Amino acid sequence: MARSLKKGLYVDERLIKKIQDKKPGDRTPIKTWSRASMISPEMIGFTFAVHNGKEFIPVLVTEEKVGYRLGEFSPTRKFFRHGGKMQKELEIAAKQKELDAAKAAKASDTAKKK
């Protein structure tokens, strides 16, 4: 269930302390594991290194990101591709199309030279 508006935004206290220690406009990333923290207006202009479980993803906070959570900009899963026989056939067809286009371009170049 979402946090109630009467309770206010959840921002990790340690994160607020780190922000107050830095100068505005400082581009060095602030490391954090607090993915649940909301982005507040005081965070605008700072870069946060948000942990996704494996590595830290840099997130530059702008006005449009206020109200979102830090974890929304640091995906935890990496999409590789869909698998299966149908996907393999589509990839082969795309590769063949590229080869045909390259051959056609080469043929037109040799025809122009003659």
N, C-alpha and C. Protein backbone atom coordinates (compact mmCIF):
# COMPACT_ATOMS: atom_id res chain seq x y z
N MET A 1 0.84 -1.18 0.00
CA MET A 1 0.00 0.00 0.00
C MET A 1 0.89 1.24 0.00
N ALA A 2 0.48 2.25 -0.73
CA ALA A 2 1.27 3.47 -0.85
C ALA A 2 1.29 4.24 0.47
N ARG A 3 2.32 5.02 0.65
CA ARG A 3 2.45 5.81 1.86
C ARG A 3 1.41 6.93 1.86
N SER A 4 0.77 7.13 3.00
CA SER A 4 -0.28 8.13 3.13
C SER A 4 0.29 9.54 3.00
N LEU A 5 -0.45 10.43 2.38
CA LEU A 5 0.01 11.81 2.21
C LEU A 5 0.16 12.53 3.55
N LYS A 6 -0.68 12.18 4.52
CA LYS A 6 -0.58 12.86 5.82
C LYS A 6 0.70 12.50 6.57
N LYS A 7 1.31 11.37 6.21
CA LYS A 7 2.57 10.98 6.85
C LYS A 7 3.76 11.71 6.23
N GLY A 8 3.59 12.20 5.01
CA GLY A 8 4.69 12.91 4.35
C GLY A 8 5.56 11.96 3.55
N LEU A 9 6.56 12.54 2.88
CA LEU A 9 7.47 11.76 2.05
C LEU A 9 8.45 10.98 2.90
N TYR A 10 8.85 9.80 2.42
CA TYR A 10 9.90 9.05 3.11
C TYR A 10 11.22 9.36 2.43
N VAL A 11 12.12 10.00 3.17
CA VAL A 11 13.47 10.24 2.70
C VAL A 11 14.40 9.78 3.82
N ASP A 12 15.35 8.95 3.47
CA ASP A 12 16.29 8.42 4.46
C ASP A 12 17.05 9.56 5.12
N GLU A 13 17.14 9.53 6.46
CA GLU A 13 17.79 10.60 7.21
C GLU A 13 19.27 10.72 6.84
N ARG A 14 19.94 9.59 6.63
CA ARG A 14 21.36 9.62 6.26
C ARG A 14 21.55 10.29 4.90
N LEU A 15 20.59 10.11 4.02
CA LEU A 15 20.66 10.73 2.69
C LEU A 15 20.52 12.25 2.79
N ILE A 16 19.62 12.71 3.64
CA ILE A 16 19.44 14.15 3.85
C ILE A 16 20.72 14.75 4.43
N LYS A 17 21.34 14.03 5.36
CA LYS A 17 22.58 14.52 5.97
C LYS A 17 23.69 14.63 4.93
N LYS A 18 23.78 13.65 4.02
CA LYS A 18 24.80 13.68 2.96
C LYS A 18 24.57 14.87 2.02
N ILE A 19 23.31 15.19 1.75
CA ILE A 19 22.98 16.31 0.87
C ILE A 19 23.37 17.64 1.52
N GLN A 20 23.11 17.77 2.82
CA GLN A 20 23.42 19.01 3.52
C GLN A 20 24.93 19.25 3.61
N ASP A 21 25.73 18.18 3.62
CA ASP A 21 27.18 18.31 3.68
C ASP A 21 27.78 18.77 2.36
N LYS A 22 27.08 18.57 1.25
CA LYS A 22 27.60 18.92 -0.07
C LYS A 22 27.15 20.31 -0.48
N LYS A 23 27.91 20.90 -1.41
CA LYS A 23 27.57 22.20 -1.97
C LYS A 23 26.59 22.00 -3.13
N PRO A 24 25.66 22.92 -3.36
CA PRO A 24 24.76 22.80 -4.52
C PRO A 24 25.55 22.82 -5.82
N GLY A 25 25.19 21.96 -6.75
CA GLY A 25 25.87 21.88 -8.04
C GLY A 25 27.07 20.96 -8.03
N ASP A 26 27.37 20.35 -6.88
CA ASP A 26 28.49 19.41 -6.81
C ASP A 26 28.11 18.14 -7.56
N ARG A 27 28.94 17.74 -8.52
CA ARG A 27 28.60 16.61 -9.40
C ARG A 27 29.13 15.26 -8.91
N THR A 28 29.85 15.23 -7.79
CA THR A 28 30.32 13.93 -7.30
C THR A 28 29.12 13.13 -6.81
N PRO A 29 29.03 11.86 -7.22
CA PRO A 29 27.84 11.08 -6.86
C PRO A 29 27.78 10.75 -5.37
N ILE A 30 26.55 10.75 -4.86
CA ILE A 30 26.28 10.39 -3.48
C ILE A 30 25.82 8.93 -3.49
N LYS A 31 26.61 8.03 -2.92
CA LYS A 31 26.26 6.61 -2.92
C LYS A 31 25.11 6.35 -1.95
N THR A 32 24.15 5.55 -2.38
CA THR A 32 23.04 5.20 -1.52
C THR A 32 22.49 3.82 -1.88
N TRP A 33 22.02 3.14 -0.84
CA TRP A 33 21.33 1.87 -1.01
C TRP A 33 19.84 2.06 -0.77
N SER A 34 19.44 3.27 -0.44
CA SER A 34 18.06 3.58 -0.09
C SER A 34 17.24 3.82 -1.35
N ARG A 35 16.79 2.75 -1.98
CA ARG A 35 16.01 2.85 -3.21
C ARG A 35 14.59 3.34 -2.95
N ALA A 36 14.11 3.20 -1.71
CA ALA A 36 12.74 3.57 -1.37
C ALA A 36 12.59 5.05 -1.07
N SER A 37 13.69 5.78 -0.97
CA SER A 37 13.62 7.20 -0.65
C SER A 37 12.99 7.98 -1.81
N MET A 38 12.11 8.92 -1.44
CA MET A 38 11.48 9.78 -2.43
C MET A 38 12.45 10.90 -2.81
N ILE A 39 12.33 11.38 -4.02
CA ILE A 39 13.15 12.50 -4.47
C ILE A 39 12.43 13.78 -4.09
N SER A 40 13.10 14.59 -3.28
CA SER A 40 12.51 15.84 -2.81
C SER A 40 13.15 17.02 -3.54
N PRO A 41 12.55 18.20 -3.46
CA PRO A 41 13.10 19.37 -4.17
C PRO A 41 14.52 19.75 -3.73
N GLU A 42 14.92 19.39 -2.51
CA GLU A 42 16.28 19.71 -2.04
C GLU A 42 17.34 18.92 -2.80
N MET A 43 16.94 17.83 -3.45
CA MET A 43 17.89 16.94 -4.14
C MET A 43 18.19 17.37 -5.57
N ILE A 44 17.49 18.38 -6.08
CA ILE A 44 17.67 18.80 -7.47
C ILE A 44 19.09 19.27 -7.71
N GLY A 45 19.70 18.75 -8.77
CA GLY A 45 21.05 19.14 -9.15
C GLY A 45 22.13 18.20 -8.65
N PHE A 46 21.78 17.29 -7.74
CA PHE A 46 22.76 16.35 -7.22
C PHE A 46 22.72 15.05 -8.02
N THR A 47 23.82 14.33 -8.03
CA THR A 47 23.89 13.02 -8.68
C THR A 47 23.96 11.96 -7.59
N PHE A 48 23.08 10.98 -7.68
CA PHE A 48 23.06 9.88 -6.71
C PHE A 48 23.51 8.61 -7.40
N ALA A 49 24.32 7.82 -6.72
CA ALA A 49 24.72 6.51 -7.22
C ALA A 49 23.83 5.50 -6.49
N VAL A 50 22.78 5.04 -7.17
CA VAL A 50 21.78 4.16 -6.56
C VAL A 50 22.16 2.72 -6.84
N HIS A 51 22.19 1.92 -5.78
CA HIS A 51 22.59 0.52 -5.90
C HIS A 51 21.44 -0.31 -6.44
N ASN A 52 21.73 -1.16 -7.44
CA ASN A 52 20.67 -1.99 -8.01
C ASN A 52 20.82 -3.46 -7.62
N GLY A 53 21.69 -3.75 -6.66
CA GLY A 53 21.91 -5.12 -6.23
C GLY A 53 23.23 -5.65 -6.71
N LYS A 54 23.78 -5.05 -7.76
CA LYS A 54 25.06 -5.49 -8.31
C LYS A 54 26.04 -4.33 -8.43
N GLU A 55 25.54 -3.19 -8.91
CA GLU A 55 26.42 -2.04 -9.12
C GLU A 55 25.66 -0.75 -8.82
N PHE A 56 26.37 0.37 -8.84
CA PHE A 56 25.76 1.67 -8.59
C PHE A 56 25.46 2.35 -9.92
N ILE A 57 24.22 2.76 -10.10
CA ILE A 57 23.77 3.43 -11.31
C ILE A 57 23.66 4.93 -11.01
N PRO A 58 24.37 5.80 -11.78
CA PRO A 58 24.27 7.24 -11.51
C PRO A 58 22.92 7.80 -11.96
N VAL A 59 22.32 8.60 -11.08
CA VAL A 59 21.02 9.22 -11.35
C VAL A 59 21.15 10.71 -11.08
N LEU A 60 21.03 11.53 -12.12
CA LEU A 60 21.06 12.99 -11.97
C LEU A 60 19.63 13.45 -11.72
N VAL A 61 19.41 14.11 -10.59
CA VAL A 61 18.06 14.52 -10.21
C VAL A 61 17.73 15.86 -10.86
N THR A 62 16.60 15.88 -11.58
CA THR A 62 16.09 17.10 -12.20
C THR A 62 14.70 17.38 -11.64
N GLU A 63 14.11 18.49 -12.04
CA GLU A 63 12.79 18.88 -11.52
C GLU A 63 11.71 17.86 -11.87
N GLU A 64 11.84 17.22 -13.03
CA GLU A 64 10.82 16.26 -13.47
C GLU A 64 10.80 15.00 -12.60
N LYS A 65 11.89 14.72 -11.90
CA LYS A 65 11.99 13.49 -11.11
C LYS A 65 11.50 13.66 -9.68
N VAL A 66 11.15 14.86 -9.27
CA VAL A 66 10.67 15.10 -7.91
C VAL A 66 9.36 14.34 -7.71
N GLY A 67 9.27 13.61 -6.61
CA GLY A 67 8.07 12.83 -6.31
C GLY A 67 8.22 11.37 -6.64
N TYR A 68 9.21 11.01 -7.43
CA TYR A 68 9.48 9.60 -7.73
C TYR A 68 10.43 9.03 -6.69
N ARG A 69 10.63 7.74 -6.72
CA ARG A 69 11.58 7.10 -5.81
C ARG A 69 12.90 6.89 -6.54
N LEU A 70 13.99 6.86 -5.79
CA LEU A 70 15.31 6.69 -6.39
C LEU A 70 15.43 5.35 -7.12
N GLY A 71 14.80 4.32 -6.59
CA GLY A 71 14.89 2.99 -7.18
C GLY A 71 14.26 2.87 -8.55
N GLU A 72 13.38 3.80 -8.91
CA GLU A 72 12.72 3.75 -10.21
C GLU A 72 13.67 4.04 -11.35
N PHE A 73 14.79 4.69 -11.06
CA PHE A 73 15.74 5.06 -12.09
C PHE A 73 16.96 4.15 -12.10
N SER A 74 16.92 3.08 -11.32
CA SER A 74 18.02 2.12 -11.25
C SER A 74 17.44 0.71 -11.39
N PRO A 75 17.24 0.23 -12.64
CA PRO A 75 16.60 -1.07 -12.83
C PRO A 75 17.43 -2.21 -12.26
N THR A 76 16.73 -3.19 -11.67
CA THR A 76 17.42 -4.31 -11.03
C THR A 76 17.53 -5.51 -11.96
N ARG A 77 16.81 -5.50 -13.05
CA ARG A 77 16.86 -6.63 -13.99
C ARG A 77 17.33 -6.14 -15.35
N LYS A 78 18.13 -6.96 -16.01
CA LYS A 78 18.67 -6.62 -17.31
C LYS A 78 17.95 -7.46 -18.37
N PHE A 79 17.28 -6.77 -19.31
CA PHE A 79 16.59 -7.48 -20.38
C PHE A 79 17.59 -7.90 -21.45
N PHE A 80 17.65 -9.17 -21.76
CA PHE A 80 18.56 -9.65 -22.79
C PHE A 80 17.81 -9.76 -24.10
N ARG A 81 16.89 -10.67 -24.21
CA ARG A 81 16.02 -10.79 -25.37
C ARG A 81 15.03 -11.91 -25.11
N HIS A 82 13.98 -11.94 -25.88
CA HIS A 82 13.03 -13.04 -25.81
C HIS A 82 13.64 -14.22 -26.54
N GLY A 83 13.35 -15.39 -26.08
CA GLY A 83 13.94 -16.57 -26.69
C GLY A 83 12.92 -17.33 -27.51
N GLY A 84 13.30 -18.49 -27.91
CA GLY A 84 12.39 -19.37 -28.62
C GLY A 84 12.65 -19.43 -30.11
N LYS A 85 11.97 -20.38 -30.75
CA LYS A 85 12.15 -20.65 -32.18
C LYS A 85 11.70 -19.46 -33.03
N MET A 86 10.58 -18.84 -32.66
CA MET A 86 10.05 -17.74 -33.45
C MET A 86 11.01 -16.55 -33.43
N GLN A 87 11.59 -16.25 -32.28
CA GLN A 87 12.52 -15.13 -32.18
C GLN A 87 13.77 -15.39 -33.01
N LYS A 88 14.24 -16.62 -33.01
CA LYS A 88 15.42 -16.98 -33.80
C LYS A 88 15.15 -16.78 -35.29
N GLU A 89 13.96 -17.18 -35.74
CA GLU A 89 13.60 -17.00 -37.15
C GLU A 89 13.55 -15.52 -37.52
N LEU A 90 13.02 -14.69 -36.62
CA LEU A 90 12.96 -13.25 -36.88
C LEU A 90 14.35 -12.64 -36.98
N GLU A 91 15.27 -13.08 -36.12
CA GLU A 91 16.64 -12.58 -36.16
C GLU A 91 17.35 -12.98 -37.45
N ILE A 92 17.14 -14.22 -37.88
CA ILE A 92 17.75 -14.70 -39.13
C ILE A 92 17.21 -13.90 -40.31
N ALA A 93 15.90 -13.64 -40.33
CA ALA A 93 15.29 -12.87 -41.41
C ALA A 93 15.84 -11.44 -41.44
N ALA A 94 16.02 -10.83 -40.28
CA ALA A 94 16.57 -9.47 -40.21
C ALA A 94 18.00 -9.43 -40.71
N LYS A 95 18.79 -10.44 -40.34
CA LYS A 95 20.18 -10.50 -40.78
C LYS A 95 20.26 -10.69 -42.29
N GLN A 96 19.37 -11.52 -42.85
CA GLN A 96 19.34 -11.75 -44.28
C GLN A 96 18.96 -10.47 -45.02
N LYS A 97 18.03 -9.71 -44.46
CA LYS A 97 17.61 -8.46 -45.06
C LYS A 97 18.78 -7.46 -45.11
N GLU A 98 19.58 -7.42 -44.05
CA GLU A 98 20.75 -6.54 -44.01
C GLU A 98 21.77 -6.95 -45.08
N LEU A 99 22.00 -8.26 -45.23
CA LEU A 99 22.94 -8.75 -46.24
C LEU A 99 22.47 -8.40 -47.65
N ASP A 100 21.16 -8.56 -47.90
CA ASP A 100 20.61 -8.23 -49.22
C ASP A 100 20.76 -6.73 -49.51
N ALA A 101 20.53 -5.91 -48.51
CA ALA A 101 20.66 -4.46 -48.68
C ALA A 101 22.11 -4.09 -48.97
N ALA A 102 23.04 -4.73 -48.29
CA ALA A 102 24.47 -4.46 -48.52
C ALA A 102 24.88 -4.87 -49.93
N LYS A 103 24.38 -6.03 -50.39
CA LYS A 103 24.69 -6.50 -51.74
C LYS A 103 24.12 -5.55 -52.79
N ALA A 104 22.90 -5.08 -52.57
CA ALA A 104 22.27 -4.15 -53.51
C ALA A 104 23.04 -2.82 -53.56
N ALA A 105 23.48 -2.34 -52.41
CA ALA A 105 24.24 -1.10 -52.37
C ALA A 105 25.58 -1.27 -53.10
N LYS A 106 26.22 -2.42 -52.92
CA LYS A 106 27.51 -2.68 -53.57
C LYS A 106 27.32 -2.79 -55.08
N ALA A 107 26.24 -3.44 -55.50
CA ALA A 107 25.95 -3.57 -56.92
C ALA A 107 25.68 -2.23 -57.56
N SER A 108 24.98 -1.37 -56.89
CA SER A 108 24.67 -0.04 -57.44
C SER A 108 25.93 0.82 -57.50
N ASP A 109 26.86 0.64 -56.57
CA ASP A 109 28.12 1.38 -56.58
C ASP A 109 28.99 0.95 -57.76
N THR A 110 29.04 -0.36 -58.04
CA THR A 110 29.84 -0.84 -59.16
C THR A 110 29.22 -0.42 -60.50
N ALA A 111 27.86 -0.34 -60.56
CA ALA A 111 27.19 0.09 -61.79
C ALA A 111 27.45 1.57 -62.06
N LYS A 112 27.55 2.38 -61.04
CA LYS A 112 27.82 3.82 -61.18
C LYS A 112 29.23 4.05 -61.68
N LYS A 113 30.18 3.23 -61.24
CA LYS A 113 31.57 3.39 -61.64
C LYS A 113 31.82 3.07 -63.10
N LYS A 114 30.99 2.19 -63.65
CA LYS A 114 31.15 1.78 -65.05
C LYS A 114 30.54 2.78 -65.93
